[in-house]
Amino acid sequence: MAPEPEEPSPAAGATVDAPDRNLALELVRVTEVAALASARWVGHGDKESADQAAVDAMRLLLDTVSMDGIVVIGEGEKDEA
């Protein structure tokens, strides 16, 4: 009798429930949407609105990512974001 094959371990960023899921790629998309949202403010001289647009876009997309964790958004003491 041949031994049973071992079950493959999930790929990096994938879960057993969703094997096609890639957390790293989902987070890249979050970064991308933040960059696109803030890019609309380039040349307007309004850094706060650009920051807010990026944060709002990140929060919207992060709400769609299935994960259990803590997300910290901000630049800290640099500009008290």
Protein backbone atom coordinates (compact mmCIF):
# COMPACT_ATOMS: atom_id res chain seq x y z
CA MET A 1 0.00 0.00 0.00
CA ALA A 2 1.43 3.39 -1.02
CA PRO A 3 1.67 6.13 1.59
CA GLU A 4 -0.93 8.88 1.35
CA PRO A 5 0.39 12.16 -0.06
CA GLU A 6 0.87 14.97 2.41
CA GLU A 7 -1.48 17.92 2.17
CA PRO A 8 0.31 20.95 0.75
CA SER A 9 0.79 23.82 3.14
CA PRO A 10 -0.96 27.08 2.20
CA ALA A 11 1.07 29.48 0.09
CA ALA A 12 2.42 32.61 1.75
CA GLY A 13 -0.48 34.98 2.34
CA ALA A 14 -3.14 32.35 1.60
CA THR A 15 -5.51 30.78 4.07
CA VAL A 16 -6.98 27.31 4.13
CA ASP A 17 -10.45 28.81 3.58
CA ALA A 18 -9.37 30.82 0.52
CA PRO A 19 -6.37 29.17 -1.15
CA ASP A 20 -6.30 31.68 -4.02
CA ARG A 21 -6.06 34.63 -1.64
CA ASN A 22 -2.81 36.57 -1.41
CA LEU A 23 -2.70 38.99 1.51
CA ALA A 24 0.44 40.70 0.23
CA LEU A 25 -1.23 41.50 -3.08
CA GLU A 26 -4.32 42.82 -1.30
CA LEU A 27 -2.12 45.15 0.75
CA VAL A 28 -0.33 46.30 -2.41
CA ARG A 29 -3.75 47.27 -3.76
CA VAL A 30 -4.42 49.24 -0.57
CA THR A 31 -1.15 51.14 -1.10
CA GLU A 32 -2.01 51.71 -4.75
CA VAL A 33 -5.46 53.14 -4.03
CA ALA A 34 -3.96 55.48 -1.41
CA ALA A 35 -1.37 56.74 -3.89
CA LEU A 36 -3.99 57.30 -6.58
CA ALA A 37 -6.29 59.15 -4.19
CA SER A 38 -3.55 61.47 -2.94
CA ALA A 39 -2.16 62.04 -6.45
CA ARG A 40 -5.26 64.06 -7.30
CA TRP A 41 -4.01 66.69 -4.84
CA VAL A 42 -0.52 67.07 -6.35
CA GLY A 43 0.18 70.71 -7.15
CA HIS A 44 -2.70 72.07 -5.07
CA GLY A 45 -0.54 73.01 -2.08
CA ASP A 46 -2.91 71.21 0.31
CA LYS A 47 -0.94 68.45 2.05
CA GLU A 48 -3.65 67.81 4.63
CA SER A 49 -6.28 67.08 1.97
CA ALA A 50 -3.86 64.79 0.15
CA ASP A 51 -3.14 62.93 3.40
CA GLN A 52 -6.85 62.68 4.19
CA ALA A 53 -7.67 61.38 0.71
CA ALA A 54 -5.02 58.67 1.09
CA VAL A 55 -6.20 57.65 4.56
CA ASP A 56 -9.86 57.56 3.49
CA ALA A 57 -9.04 55.42 0.45
CA MET A 58 -6.90 53.05 2.55
CA ARG A 59 -9.62 52.63 5.14
CA LEU A 60 -12.24 51.90 2.46
CA LEU A 61 -10.14 49.19 0.84
CA LEU A 62 -8.83 47.76 4.12
CA ASP A 63 -12.44 47.16 5.14
CA THR A 64 -12.68 44.68 2.25
CA VAL A 65 -9.56 42.70 3.27
CA SER A 66 -10.40 39.60 5.27
CA MET A 67 -7.84 39.66 8.07
CA ASP A 68 -7.58 39.72 11.82
CA GLY A 69 -5.07 42.32 12.90
CA ILE A 70 -4.32 45.88 13.90
CA VAL A 71 -3.64 48.47 11.22
CA VAL A 72 -1.74 51.61 12.17
CA ILE A 73 -2.05 54.50 9.73
CA GLY A 74 -0.11 57.71 10.16
CA GLU A 75 3.25 59.36 10.19
CA GLY A 76 3.42 59.68 13.94
CA GLU A 77 5.16 62.68 15.44
CA LYS A 78 6.29 64.02 12.06
CA ASP A 79 3.03 65.88 11.45
CA GLU A 80 0.77 64.35 14.12
CA ALA A 81 -1.16 62.40 11.45
